[in-house]
Each structure stands twice: as structure tokens, then as C-alpha cells.
Amino acid sequence: MAVVPVRMTEAWLLVDEAAIRRAAGRPSGREPLALPAPRQLERLADPKEALHRALIVASGRTGRRSRRFRPERAVHRLAEYVEDWSALRTLEALRELERATRRAIGELWLELRRE
């Protein structure tokens, strides 16, 4: 069965600026986050670093305060805040995940019917 690499899911989380700002604790922040366009997500060399950097910038913290901010904690909240995943539907990796999931569910359903 296929699985989605963590690297890709980190890239996918860069799709929603408002969700990133909420996860960072500053939903009304205005700092530019320099997020990549959805079509560039699959080509990011280090999506985890890009995601953490966006969260730190969105937090609005600077200096010592930015070093105390823990982006890895904010990442866990981020997926809950994304309201629209539709921008990802143009990505081949997501379409392949959907196909693999449908196949796996179909195979499981057939297996359960045999029992």
C-alpha cells in the first residue's frame, strides 16, 4: 500500500496562509510569508524548513522571542485550520494519493465481502 511521505504533507500545509497565521497564534498578522504557489509545492527542496519559517514569520516574534517559538507545535494545529484544500487538486501527488486510497478501500471492501 502506498503512503504519502511526510515531506509531501509538509509541503501541502503551505497551501493556506490564513491557516498558517492562525496556527502561529496571530490570525490578523500582515507580515509577508513568501509562500510558494501551489504548483511549486511538489518541487520544494525542503518543505519542512519552508513551513517552519512561514510559521515563525507569521508568529510576529523577533529576536529571543522568535527562538522560543516552537513551529513544530504549531504544525500539529495547522491541518485543523485549513478550510480549503482545493488548490492541491492540481498536484499529481494528491491525485495519486486519492487513486491509491480508492484502490485500497475497494480491495478491502472485496476482502470483507469474501469473509
PDB file of N, CA and C in Angstrom:
ATOM      1  N   MET A   1       0.844  -1.185   0.000  1.00  0.00           N
ATOM      2  CA  MET A   1       0.000   0.000   0.000  1.00  0.00           C
ATOM      3  C   MET A   1       0.885   1.242   0.000  1.00  0.00           C
ATOM      4  N   ALA A   2       0.534   2.227  -0.765  1.00  0.00           N
ATOM      5  CA  ALA A   2       1.298   3.469  -0.856  1.00  0.00           C
ATOM      6  C   ALA A   2       1.008   4.361   0.345  1.00  0.00           C
ATOM      7  N   VAL A   3       2.003   5.110   0.716  1.00  0.00           N
ATOM      8  CA  VAL A   3       1.833   6.106   1.768  1.00  0.00           C
ATOM      9  C   VAL A   3       2.358   7.429   1.254  1.00  0.00           C
ATOM     10  N   VAL A   4       1.899   8.514   1.849  1.00  0.00           N
ATOM     11  CA  VAL A   4       2.350   9.841   1.457  1.00  0.00           C
ATOM     12  C   VAL A   4       3.536  10.207   2.341  1.00  0.00           C
ATOM     13  N   PRO A   5       4.668  10.529   1.743  1.00  0.00           N
ATOM     14  CA  PRO A   5       5.820  10.924   2.562  1.00  0.00           C
ATOM     15  C   PRO A   5       5.506  12.159   3.391  1.00  0.00           C
ATOM     16  N   VAL A   6       6.058  12.214   4.584  1.00  0.00           N
ATOM     17  CA  VAL A   6       5.864  13.370   5.454  1.00  0.00           C
ATOM     18  C   VAL A   6       6.287  14.643   4.729  1.00  0.00           C
ATOM     19  N   ARG A   7       7.334  14.549   3.938  1.00  0.00           N
ATOM     20  CA  ARG A   7       7.838  15.700   3.198  1.00  0.00           C
ATOM     21  C   ARG A   7       6.727  16.320   2.343  1.00  0.00           C
ATOM     22  N   MET A   8       5.925  15.480   1.697  1.00  0.00           N
ATOM     23  CA  MET A   8       4.863  15.997   0.844  1.00  0.00           C
ATOM     24  C   MET A   8       3.747  16.610   1.679  1.00  0.00           C
ATOM     25  N   THR A   9       3.391  15.999   2.783  1.00  0.00           N
ATOM     26  CA  THR A   9       2.323  16.575   3.601  1.00  0.00           C
ATOM     27  C   THR A   9       2.757  17.916   4.168  1.00  0.00           C
ATOM     28  N   GLU A  10       4.042  18.067   4.494  1.00  0.00           N
ATOM     29  CA  GLU A  10       4.528  19.371   4.955  1.00  0.00           C
ATOM     30  C   GLU A  10       4.393  20.411   3.846  1.00  0.00           C
ATOM     31  N   ALA A  11       4.685  20.015   2.636  1.00  0.00           N
ATOM     32  CA  ALA A  11       4.530  20.937   1.507  1.00  0.00           C
ATOM     33  C   ALA A  11       3.064  21.314   1.331  1.00  0.00           C
ATOM     34  N   TRP A  12       2.169  20.336   1.444  1.00  0.00           N
ATOM     35  CA  TRP A  12       0.748  20.615   1.271  1.00  0.00           C
ATOM     36  C   TRP A  12       0.226  21.600   2.311  1.00  0.00           C
ATOM     37  N   LEU A  13       0.804  21.609   3.502  1.00  0.00           N
ATOM     38  CA  LEU A  13       0.342  22.518   4.549  1.00  0.00           C
ATOM     39  C   LEU A  13       0.667  23.977   4.239  1.00  0.00           C
ATOM     40  N   LEU A  14       1.493  24.221   3.254  1.00  0.00           N
ATOM     41  CA  LEU A  14       1.832  25.595   2.859  1.00  0.00           C
ATOM     42  C   LEU A  14       0.770  26.224   1.970  1.00  0.00           C
ATOM     43  N   VAL A  15      -0.340  25.557   1.791  1.00  0.00           N
ATOM     44  CA  VAL A  15      -1.358  25.991   0.838  1.00  0.00           C
ATOM     45  C   VAL A  15      -2.281  27.094   1.375  1.00  0.00           C
ATOM     46  N   ASP A  16      -2.340  27.306   2.678  1.00  0.00           N
ATOM     47  CA  ASP A  16      -3.344  28.211   3.246  1.00  0.00           C
ATOM     48  C   ASP A  16      -2.702  29.227   4.198  1.00  0.00           C
ATOM     49  N   GLU A  17      -2.520  30.444   3.719  1.00  0.00           N
ATOM     50  CA  GLU A  17      -1.885  31.493   4.523  1.00  0.00           C
ATOM     51  C   GLU A  17      -2.665  31.791   5.802  1.00  0.00           C
ATOM     52  N   ALA A  18      -3.976  31.883   5.710  1.00  0.00           N
ATOM     53  CA  ALA A  18      -4.783  32.184   6.892  1.00  0.00           C
ATOM     54  C   ALA A  18      -4.628  31.095   7.955  1.00  0.00           C
ATOM     55  N   ALA A  19      -4.577  29.847   7.536  1.00  0.00           N
ATOM     56  CA  ALA A  19      -4.403  28.739   8.483  1.00  0.00           C
ATOM     57  C   ALA A  19      -3.030  28.807   9.147  1.00  0.00           C
ATOM     58  N   ILE A  20      -2.014  29.162   8.386  1.00  0.00           N
ATOM     59  CA  ILE A  20      -0.665  29.292   8.951  1.00  0.00           C
ATOM     60  C   ILE A  20      -0.648  30.386  10.009  1.00  0.00           C
ATOM     61  N   ARG A  21      -1.289  31.498   9.705  1.00  0.00           N
ATOM     62  CA  ARG A  21      -1.326  32.598  10.672  1.00  0.00           C
ATOM     63  C   ARG A  21      -2.094  32.199  11.945  1.00  0.00           C
ATOM     64  N   ARG A  22      -3.188  31.488  11.788  1.00  0.00           N
ATOM     65  CA  ARG A  22      -3.944  31.031  12.971  1.00  0.00           C
ATOM     66  C   ARG A  22      -3.118  30.053  13.800  1.00  0.00           C
ATOM     67  N   ALA A  23      -2.454  29.115  13.142  1.00  0.00           N
ATOM     68  CA  ALA A  23      -1.641  28.128  13.854  1.00  0.00           C
ATOM     69  C   ALA A  23      -0.475  28.797  14.586  1.00  0.00           C
ATOM     70  N   ALA A  24       0.027  29.904  14.033  1.00  0.00           N
ATOM     71  CA  ALA A  24       1.131  30.634  14.651  1.00  0.00           C
ATOM     72  C   ALA A  24       0.657  31.543  15.787  1.00  0.00           C
ATOM     73  N   GLY A  25      -0.665  31.663  15.945  1.00  0.00           N
ATOM     74  CA  GLY A  25      -1.203  32.464  17.040  1.00  0.00           C
ATOM     75  C   GLY A  25      -1.443  33.920  16.705  1.00  0.00           C
ATOM     76  N   ARG A  26      -1.337  34.306  15.432  1.00  0.00           N
ATOM     77  CA  ARG A  26      -1.577  35.694  15.021  1.00  0.00           C
ATOM     78  C   ARG A  26      -2.408  35.733  13.753  1.00  0.00           C
ATOM     79  N   PRO A  27      -3.699  35.437  13.864  1.00  0.00           N
ATOM     80  CA  PRO A  27      -4.538  35.381  12.659  1.00  0.00           C
ATOM     81  C   PRO A  27      -4.640  36.702  11.907  1.00  0.00           C
ATOM     82  N   SER A  28      -4.410  37.819  12.568  1.00  0.00           N
ATOM     83  CA  SER A  28      -4.526  39.107  11.876  1.00  0.00           C
ATOM     84  C   SER A  28      -3.158  39.673  11.477  1.00  0.00           C
ATOM     85  N   GLY A  29      -2.110  38.868  11.552  1.00  0.00           N
ATOM     86  CA  GLY A  29      -0.775  39.330  11.164  1.00  0.00           C
ATOM     87  C   GLY A  29      -0.723  39.746   9.704  1.00  0.00           C
ATOM     88  N   ARG A  30       0.224  40.598   9.366  1.00  0.00           N
ATOM     89  CA  ARG A  30       0.333  41.112   7.994  1.00  0.00           C
ATOM     90  C   ARG A  30       1.720  40.897   7.383  1.00  0.00           C
ATOM     91  N   GLU A  31       2.638  40.273   8.117  1.00  0.00           N
ATOM     92  CA  GLU A  31       3.976  40.054   7.583  1.00  0.00           C
ATOM     93  C   GLU A  31       3.894  39.179   6.340  1.00  0.00           C
ATOM     94  N   PRO A  32       4.634  39.520   5.278  1.00  0.00           N
ATOM     95  CA  PRO A  32       4.632  38.661   4.085  1.00  0.00           C
ATOM     96  C   PRO A  32       5.267  37.307   4.414  1.00  0.00           C
ATOM     97  N   LEU A  33       4.601  36.228   4.058  1.00  0.00           N
ATOM     98  CA  LEU A  33       5.082  34.889   4.388  1.00  0.00           C
ATOM     99  C   LEU A  33       5.872  34.237   3.257  1.00  0.00           C
ATOM    100  N   ALA A  34       5.868  34.828   2.091  1.00  0.00           N
ATOM    101  CA  ALA A  34       6.615  34.298   0.938  1.00  0.00           C
ATOM    102  C   ALA A  34       6.277  32.836   0.683  1.00  0.00           C
ATOM    103  N   LEU A  35       4.991  32.520   0.654  1.00  0.00           N
ATOM    104  CA  LEU A  35       4.557  31.140   0.398  1.00  0.00           C
ATOM    105  C   LEU A  35       4.666  30.819  -1.092  1.00  0.00           C
ATOM    106  N   PRO A  36       5.063  29.603  -1.409  1.00  0.00           N
ATOM    107  CA  PRO A  36       5.145  29.223  -2.824  1.00  0.00           C
ATOM    108  C   PRO A  36       3.749  29.048  -3.418  1.00  0.00           C
ATOM    109  N   ALA A  37       3.664  29.194  -4.724  1.00  0.00           N
ATOM    110  CA  ALA A  37       2.409  28.927  -5.429  1.00  0.00           C
ATOM    111  C   ALA A  37       2.123  27.426  -5.323  1.00  0.00           C
ATOM    112  N   PRO A  38       0.843  27.025  -5.306  1.00  0.00           N
ATOM    113  CA  PRO A  38       0.520  25.596  -5.192  1.00  0.00           C
ATOM    114  C   PRO A  38       1.246  24.713  -6.211  1.00  0.00           C
ATOM    115  N   ARG A  39       1.414  25.192  -7.433  1.00  0.00           N
ATOM    116  CA  ARG A  39       2.072  24.367  -8.460  1.00  0.00           C
ATOM    117  C   ARG A  39       3.549  24.149  -8.159  1.00  0.00           C
ATOM    118  N   GLN A  40       4.129  24.938  -7.242  1.00  0.00           N
ATOM    119  CA  GLN A  40       5.547  24.795  -6.882  1.00  0.00           C
ATOM    120  C   GLN A  40       5.764  23.901  -5.661  1.00  0.00           C
ATOM    121  N   LEU A  41       4.705  23.521  -4.982  1.00  0.00           N
ATOM    122  CA  LEU A  41       4.838  22.784  -3.728  1.00  0.00           C
ATOM    123  C   LEU A  41       5.600  21.473  -3.871  1.00  0.00           C
ATOM    124  N   GLU A  42       5.346  20.744  -4.958  1.00  0.00           N
ATOM    125  CA  GLU A  42       5.987  19.447  -5.137  1.00  0.00           C
ATOM    126  C   GLU A  42       7.481  19.578  -5.443  1.00  0.00           C
ATOM    127  N   ARG A  43       7.924  20.776  -5.785  1.00  0.00           N
ATOM    128  CA  ARG A  43       9.331  20.986  -6.150  1.00  0.00           C
ATOM    129  C   ARG A  43      10.163  21.614  -5.042  1.00  0.00           C
ATOM    130  N   LEU A  44       9.576  21.840  -3.887  1.00  0.00           N
ATOM    131  CA  LEU A  44      10.334  22.455  -2.794  1.00  0.00           C
ATOM    132  C   LEU A  44      11.447  21.528  -2.330  1.00  0.00           C
ATOM    133  N   ALA A  45      12.638  22.080  -2.178  1.00  0.00           N
ATOM    134  CA  ALA A  45      13.780  21.279  -1.731  1.00  0.00           C
ATOM    135  C   ALA A  45      13.621  20.872  -0.269  1.00  0.00           C
ATOM    136  N   ASP A  46      13.104  21.777   0.563  1.00  0.00           N
ATOM    137  CA  ASP A  46      12.960  21.493   1.992  1.00  0.00           C
ATOM    138  C   ASP A  46      11.640  22.074   2.502  1.00  0.00           C
ATOM    139  N   PRO A  47      10.525  21.379   2.264  1.00  0.00           N
ATOM    140  CA  PRO A  47       9.224  21.930   2.664  1.00  0.00           C
ATOM    141  C   PRO A  47       9.094  22.121   4.174  1.00  0.00           C
ATOM    142  N   LYS A  48       9.741  21.270   4.959  1.00  0.00           N
ATOM    143  CA  LYS A  48       9.667  21.419   6.419  1.00  0.00           C
ATOM    144  C   LYS A  48      10.274  22.753   6.839  1.00  0.00           C
ATOM    145  N   GLU A  49      11.420  23.086   6.285  1.00  0.00           N
ATOM    146  CA  GLU A  49      12.072  24.343   6.615  1.00  0.00           C
ATOM    147  C   GLU A  49      11.213  25.518   6.152  1.00  0.00           C
ATOM    148  N   ALA A  50      10.638  25.421   4.972  1.00  0.00           N
ATOM    149  CA  ALA A  50       9.773  26.486   4.459  1.00  0.00           C
ATOM    150  C   ALA A  50       8.545  26.667   5.344  1.00  0.00           C
ATOM    151  N   LEU A  51       7.966  25.567   5.791  1.00  0.00           N
ATOM    152  CA  LEU A  51       6.787  25.618   6.653  1.00  0.00           C
ATOM    153  C   LEU A  51       7.141  26.228   8.008  1.00  0.00           C
ATOM    154  N   HIS A  52       8.232  25.776   8.600  1.00  0.00           N
ATOM    155  CA  HIS A  52       8.640  26.325   9.900  1.00  0.00           C
ATOM    156  C   HIS A  52       8.969  27.813   9.791  1.00  0.00           C
ATOM    157  N   ARG A  53       9.665  28.206   8.712  1.00  0.00           N
ATOM    158  CA  ARG A  53       9.994  29.618   8.510  1.00  0.00           C
ATOM    159  C   ARG A  53       8.715  30.460   8.385  1.00  0.00           C
ATOM    160  N   ALA A  54       7.736  29.958   7.627  1.00  0.00           N
ATOM    161  CA  ALA A  54       6.470  30.694   7.466  1.00  0.00           C
ATOM    162  C   ALA A  54       5.759  30.842   8.807  1.00  0.00           C
ATOM    163  N   LEU A  55       5.773  29.807   9.613  1.00  0.00           N
ATOM    164  CA  LEU A  55       5.127  29.870  10.929  1.00  0.00           C
ATOM    165  C   LEU A  55       5.832  30.861  11.850  1.00  0.00           C
ATOM    166  N   ILE A  56       7.166  30.863  11.816  1.00  0.00           N
ATOM    167  CA  ILE A  56       7.922  31.808  12.654  1.00  0.00           C
ATOM    168  C   ILE A  56       7.624  33.239  12.233  1.00  0.00           C
ATOM    169  N   VAL A  57       7.637  33.501  10.931  1.00  0.00           N
ATOM    170  CA  VAL A  57       7.335  34.855  10.440  1.00  0.00           C
ATOM    171  C   VAL A  57       5.898  35.229  10.811  1.00  0.00           C
ATOM    172  N   ALA A  58       4.967  34.301  10.630  1.00  0.00           N
ATOM    173  CA  ALA A  58       3.559  34.573  10.944  1.00  0.00           C
ATOM    174  C   ALA A  58       3.347  34.834  12.430  1.00  0.00           C
ATOM    175  N   SER A  59       4.198  34.266  13.269  1.00  0.00           N
ATOM    176  CA  SER A  59       4.057  34.477  14.718  1.00  0.00           C
ATOM    177  C   SER A  59       4.356  35.924  15.102  1.00  0.00           C
ATOM    178  N   GLY A  60       5.104  36.640  14.245  1.00  0.00           N
ATOM    179  CA  GLY A  60       5.431  38.031  14.527  1.00  0.00           C
ATOM    180  C   GLY A  60       6.520  38.197  15.565  1.00  0.00           C
ATOM    181  N   ARG A  61       7.090  37.113  16.016  1.00  0.00           N
ATOM    182  CA  ARG A  61       8.121  37.187  17.050  1.00  0.00           C
ATOM    183  C   ARG A  61       9.479  37.455  16.424  1.00  0.00           C
ATOM    184  N   THR A  62      10.270  38.253  17.120  1.00  0.00           N
ATOM    185  CA  THR A  62      11.616  38.563  16.649  1.00  0.00           C
ATOM    186  C   THR A  62      12.604  38.356  17.801  1.00  0.00           C
ATOM    187  N   GLY A  63      13.867  38.300  17.464  1.00  0.00           N
ATOM    188  CA  GLY A  63      14.900  38.177  18.487  1.00  0.00           C
ATOM    189  C   GLY A  63      14.746  36.933  19.336  1.00  0.00           C
ATOM    190  N   ARG A  64      14.936  37.104  20.640  1.00  0.00           N
ATOM    191  CA  ARG A  64      14.807  35.966  21.575  1.00  0.00           C
ATOM    192  C   ARG A  64      13.433  35.326  21.539  1.00  0.00           C
ATOM    193  N   ARG A  65      12.435  36.144  21.395  1.00  0.00           N
ATOM    194  CA  ARG A  65      11.072  35.608  21.369  1.00  0.00           C
ATOM    195  C   ARG A  65      10.878  34.650  20.198  1.00  0.00           C
ATOM    196  N   SER A  66      11.516  34.919  19.056  1.00  0.00           N
ATOM    197  CA  SER A  66      11.368  34.010  17.908  1.00  0.00           C
ATOM    198  C   SER A  66      12.058  32.683  18.190  1.00  0.00           C
ATOM    199  N   ARG A  67      13.130  32.695  18.973  1.00  0.00           N
ATOM    200  CA  ARG A  67      13.808  31.438  19.307  1.00  0.00           C
ATOM    201  C   ARG A  67      12.989  30.583  20.259  1.00  0.00           C
ATOM    202  N   ARG A  68      12.106  31.215  21.031  1.00  0.00           N
ATOM    203  CA  ARG A  68      11.250  30.448  21.953  1.00  0.00           C
ATOM    204  C   ARG A  68      10.007  29.888  21.269  1.00  0.00           C
ATOM    205  N   PHE A  69       9.663  30.424  20.109  1.00  0.00           N
ATOM    206  CA  PHE A  69       8.507  29.921  19.364  1.00  0.00           C
ATOM    207  C   PHE A  69       8.841  28.533  18.823  1.00  0.00           C
ATOM    208  N   ARG A  70       7.945  27.594  18.977  1.00  0.00           N
ATOM    209  CA  ARG A  70       8.149  26.210  18.547  1.00  0.00           C
ATOM    210  C   ARG A  70       7.248  25.898  17.353  1.00  0.00           C
ATOM    211  N   PRO A  71       7.771  26.054  16.121  1.00  0.00           N
ATOM    212  CA  PRO A  71       6.939  25.812  14.942  1.00  0.00           C
ATOM    213  C   PRO A  71       6.450  24.371  14.852  1.00  0.00           C
ATOM    214  N   GLU A  72       7.211  23.413  15.397  1.00  0.00           N
ATOM    215  CA  GLU A  72       6.764  22.013  15.342  1.00  0.00           C
ATOM    216  C   GLU A  72       5.468  21.805  16.112  1.00  0.00           C
ATOM    217  N   ARG A  73       5.218  22.614  17.113  1.00  0.00           N
ATOM    218  CA  ARG A  73       3.928  22.538  17.833  1.00  0.00           C
ATOM    219  C   ARG A  73       2.813  23.149  16.994  1.00  0.00           C
ATOM    220  N   ALA A  74       3.112  24.255  16.349  1.00  0.00           N
ATOM    221  CA  ALA A  74       2.109  24.930  15.519  1.00  0.00           C
ATOM    222  C   ALA A  74       1.714  24.068  14.325  1.00  0.00           C
ATOM    223  N   VAL A  75       2.653  23.288  13.795  1.00  0.00           N
ATOM    224  CA  VAL A  75       2.365  22.418  12.645  1.00  0.00           C
ATOM    225  C   VAL A  75       1.233  21.451  12.981  1.00  0.00           C
ATOM    226  N   HIS A  76       1.208  20.958  14.203  1.00  0.00           N
ATOM    227  CA  HIS A  76       0.173  19.995  14.594  1.00  0.00           C
ATOM    228  C   HIS A  76      -1.221  20.615  14.588  1.00  0.00           C
ATOM    229  N   ARG A  77      -1.302  21.912  14.782  1.00  0.00           N
ATOM    230  CA  ARG A  77      -2.610  22.587  14.748  1.00  0.00           C
ATOM    231  C   ARG A  77      -3.007  23.007  13.345  1.00  0.00           C
ATOM    232  N   LEU A  78      -2.040  23.135  12.490  1.00  0.00           N
ATOM    233  CA  LEU A  78      -2.250  23.731  11.170  1.00  0.00           C
ATOM    234  C   LEU A  78      -3.305  23.027  10.326  1.00  0.00           C
ATOM    235  N   ALA A  79      -3.250  21.719  10.223  1.00  0.00           N
ATOM    236  CA  ALA A  79      -4.201  20.993   9.371  1.00  0.00           C
ATOM    237  C   ALA A  79      -5.644  21.221   9.815  1.00  0.00           C
ATOM    238  N   GLU A  80      -5.858  21.445  11.098  1.00  0.00           N
ATOM    239  CA  GLU A  80      -7.210  21.704  11.607  1.00  0.00           C
ATOM    240  C   GLU A  80      -7.754  23.040  11.101  1.00  0.00           C
ATOM    241  N   TYR A  81      -6.856  23.969  10.787  1.00  0.00           N
ATOM    242  CA  TYR A  81      -7.263  25.306  10.383  1.00  0.00           C
ATOM    243  C   TYR A  81      -7.434  25.469   8.877  1.00  0.00           C
ATOM    244  N   VAL A  82      -6.891  24.560   8.091  1.00  0.00           N
ATOM    245  CA  VAL A  82      -7.034  24.687   6.637  1.00  0.00           C
ATOM    246  C   VAL A  82      -8.498  24.431   6.281  1.00  0.00           C
ATOM    247  N   GLU A  83      -9.125  25.396   5.641  1.00  0.00           N
ATOM    248  CA  GLU A  83     -10.536  25.279   5.305  1.00  0.00           C
ATOM    249  C   GLU A  83     -10.764  24.839   3.863  1.00  0.00           C
ATOM    250  N   ASP A  84      -9.789  25.077   2.992  1.00  0.00           N
ATOM    251  CA  ASP A  84      -9.976  24.770   1.577  1.00  0.00           C
ATOM    252  C   ASP A  84      -8.720  24.106   1.023  1.00  0.00           C
ATOM    253  N   TRP A  85      -8.833  22.814   0.750  1.00  0.00           N
ATOM    254  CA  TRP A  85      -7.714  22.047   0.210  1.00  0.00           C
ATOM    255  C   TRP A  85      -7.767  21.990  -1.317  1.00  0.00           C
ATOM    256  N   SER A  86      -8.700  22.676  -1.942  1.00  0.00           N
ATOM    257  CA  SER A  86      -8.925  22.519  -3.377  1.00  0.00           C
ATOM    258  C   SER A  86      -7.718  22.926  -4.228  1.00  0.00           C
ATOM    259  N   ALA A  87      -6.881  23.836  -3.744  1.00  0.00           N
ATOM    260  CA  ALA A  87      -5.700  24.238  -4.522  1.00  0.00           C
ATOM    261  C   ALA A  87      -4.761  23.054  -4.754  1.00  0.00           C
ATOM    262  N   LEU A  88      -4.827  22.068  -3.891  1.00  0.00           N
ATOM    263  CA  LEU A  88      -3.954  20.898  -4.024  1.00  0.00           C
ATOM    264  C   LEU A  88      -4.421  19.918  -5.091  1.00  0.00           C
ATOM    265  N   ARG A  89      -5.648  20.045  -5.533  1.00  0.00           N
ATOM    266  CA  ARG A  89      -6.186  19.086  -6.500  1.00  0.00           C
ATOM    267  C   ARG A  89      -5.450  19.132  -7.843  1.00  0.00           C
ATOM    268  N   THR A  90      -4.676  20.167  -8.072  1.00  0.00           N
ATOM    269  CA  THR A  90      -3.903  20.246  -9.311  1.00  0.00           C
ATOM    270  C   THR A  90      -2.587  19.464  -9.204  1.00  0.00           C
ATOM    271  N   LEU A  91      -2.236  19.012  -8.018  1.00  0.00           N
ATOM    272  CA  LEU A  91      -0.954  18.333  -7.809  1.00  0.00           C
ATOM    273  C   LEU A  91      -1.067  16.837  -8.073  1.00  0.00           C
ATOM    274  N   GLU A  92      -0.120  16.321  -8.830  1.00  0.00           N
ATOM    275  CA  GLU A  92      -0.116  14.896  -9.171  1.00  0.00           C
ATOM    276  C   GLU A  92      -0.011  14.013  -7.931  1.00  0.00           C
ATOM    277  N   ALA A  93       0.768  14.418  -6.950  1.00  0.00           N
ATOM    278  CA  ALA A  93       0.935  13.598  -5.743  1.00  0.00           C
ATOM    279  C   ALA A  93      -0.399  13.404  -5.017  1.00  0.00           C
ATOM    280  N   LEU A  94      -1.207  14.452  -4.957  1.00  0.00           N
ATOM    281  CA  LEU A  94      -2.506  14.318  -4.294  1.00  0.00           C
ATOM    282  C   LEU A  94      -3.443  13.435  -5.112  1.00  0.00           C
ATOM    283  N   ARG A  95      -3.422  13.608  -6.415  1.00  0.00           N
ATOM    284  CA  ARG A  95      -4.280  12.769  -7.257  1.00  0.00           C
ATOM    285  C   ARG A  95      -3.876  11.305  -7.135  1.00  0.00           C
ATOM    286  N   GLU A  96      -2.582  11.031  -7.051  1.00  0.00           N
ATOM    287  CA  GLU A  96      -2.120   9.652  -6.880  1.00  0.00           C
ATOM    288  C   GLU A  96      -2.535   9.112  -5.515  1.00  0.00           C
ATOM    289  N   LEU A  97      -2.475   9.944  -4.483  1.00  0.00           N
ATOM    290  CA  LEU A  97      -2.946   9.525  -3.160  1.00  0.00           C
ATOM    291  C   LEU A  97      -4.420   9.161  -3.207  1.00  0.00           C
ATOM    292  N   GLU A  98      -5.216   9.979  -3.880  1.00  0.00           N
ATOM    293  CA  GLU A  98      -6.648   9.682  -3.994  1.00  0.00           C
ATOM    294  C   GLU A  98      -6.874   8.364  -4.734  1.00  0.00           C
ATOM    295  N   ARG A  99      -6.143   8.132  -5.831  1.00  0.00           N
ATOM    296  CA  ARG A  99      -6.292   6.875  -6.570  1.00  0.00           C
ATOM    297  C   ARG A  99      -5.896   5.680  -5.714  1.00  0.00           C
ATOM    298  N   ALA A 100      -4.779   5.794  -5.011  1.00  0.00           N
ATOM    299  CA  ALA A 100      -4.302   4.694  -4.163  1.00  0.00           C
ATOM    300  C   ALA A 100      -5.281   4.420  -3.027  1.00  0.00           C
ATOM    301  N   THR A 101      -5.858   5.469  -2.486  1.00  0.00           N
ATOM    302  CA  THR A 101      -6.829   5.307  -1.395  1.00  0.00           C
ATOM    303  C   THR A 101      -8.086   4.607  -1.903  1.00  0.00           C
ATOM    304  N   ARG A 102      -8.564   5.010  -3.074  1.00  0.00           N
ATOM    305  CA  ARG A 102      -9.742   4.353  -3.660  1.00  0.00           C
ATOM    306  C   ARG A 102      -9.474   2.872  -3.921  1.00  0.00           C
ATOM    307  N   ARG A 103      -8.283   2.573  -4.477  1.00  0.00           N
ATOM    308  CA  ARG A 103      -7.923   1.168  -4.737  1.00  0.00           C
ATOM    309  C   ARG A 103      -7.886   0.370  -3.443  1.00  0.00           C
ATOM    310  N   ALA A 104      -7.253   0.928  -2.417  1.00  0.00           N
ATOM    311  CA  ALA A 104      -7.124   0.223  -1.142  1.00  0.00           C
ATOM    312  C   ALA A 104      -8.490  -0.022  -0.511  1.00  0.00           C
ATOM    313  N   ILE A 105      -9.364   0.970  -0.568  1.00  0.00           N
ATOM    314  CA  ILE A 105     -10.710   0.804   0.001  1.00  0.00           C
ATOM    315  C   ILE A 105     -11.485  -0.239  -0.795  1.00  0.00           C
ATOM    316  N   GLY A 106     -11.357  -0.199  -2.127  1.00  0.00           N
ATOM    317  CA  GLY A 106     -12.031  -1.195  -2.963  1.00  0.00           C
ATOM    318  C   GLY A 106     -11.542  -2.598  -2.665  1.00  0.00           C
ATOM    319  N   GLU A 107     -10.229  -2.768  -2.520  1.00  0.00           N
ATOM    320  CA  GLU A 107      -9.679  -4.083  -2.195  1.00  0.00           C
ATOM    321  C   GLU A 107     -10.132  -4.551  -0.820  1.00  0.00           C
ATOM    322  N   LEU A 108     -10.168  -3.657   0.129  1.00  0.00           N
ATOM    323  CA  LEU A 108     -10.627  -4.003   1.475  1.00  0.00           C
ATOM    324  C   LEU A 108     -12.095  -4.408   1.445  1.00  0.00           C
ATOM    325  N   TRP A 109     -12.902  -3.675   0.693  1.00  0.00           N
ATOM    326  CA  TRP A 109     -14.328  -3.981   0.591  1.00  0.00           C
ATOM    327  C   TRP A 109     -14.518  -5.372  -0.016  1.00  0.00           C
ATOM    328  N   LEU A 110     -13.782  -5.674  -1.075  1.00  0.00           N
ATOM    329  CA  LEU A 110     -13.879  -7.020  -1.690  1.00  0.00           C
ATOM    330  C   LEU A 110     -13.445  -8.107  -0.720  1.00  0.00           C
ATOM    331  N   GLU A 111     -12.402  -7.860   0.028  1.00  0.00           N
ATOM    332  CA  GLU A 111     -11.917  -8.830   1.008  1.00  0.00           C
ATOM    333  C   GLU A 111     -12.962  -9.066   2.090  1.00  0.00           C
ATOM    334  N   LEU A 112     -13.599  -8.010   2.543  1.00  0.00           N
ATOM    335  CA  LEU A 112     -14.619  -8.144   3.580  1.00  0.00           C
ATOM    336  C   LEU A 112     -15.841  -8.904   3.058  1.00  0.00           C
ATOM    337  N   ARG A 113     -16.169  -8.725   1.800  1.00  0.00           N
ATOM    338  CA  ARG A 113     -17.319  -9.439   1.210  1.00  0.00           C
ATOM    339  C   ARG A 113     -17.040 -10.939   1.125  1.00  0.00           C
ATOM    340  N   ARG A 114     -15.779 -11.327   0.945  1.00  0.00           N
ATOM    341  CA  ARG A 114     -15.425 -12.733   0.858  1.00  0.00           C
ATOM    342  C   ARG A 114     -15.562 -13.455   2.174  1.00  0.00           C
ATOM    343  N   GLU A 115     -15.433 -12.723   3.258  1.00  0.00           N
ATOM    344  CA  GLU A 115     -15.472 -13.355   4.594  1.00  0.00           C
ATOM    345  C   GLU A 115     -16.857 -13.745   5.010  1.00  0.00           C
TER     346      GLU A 115
END
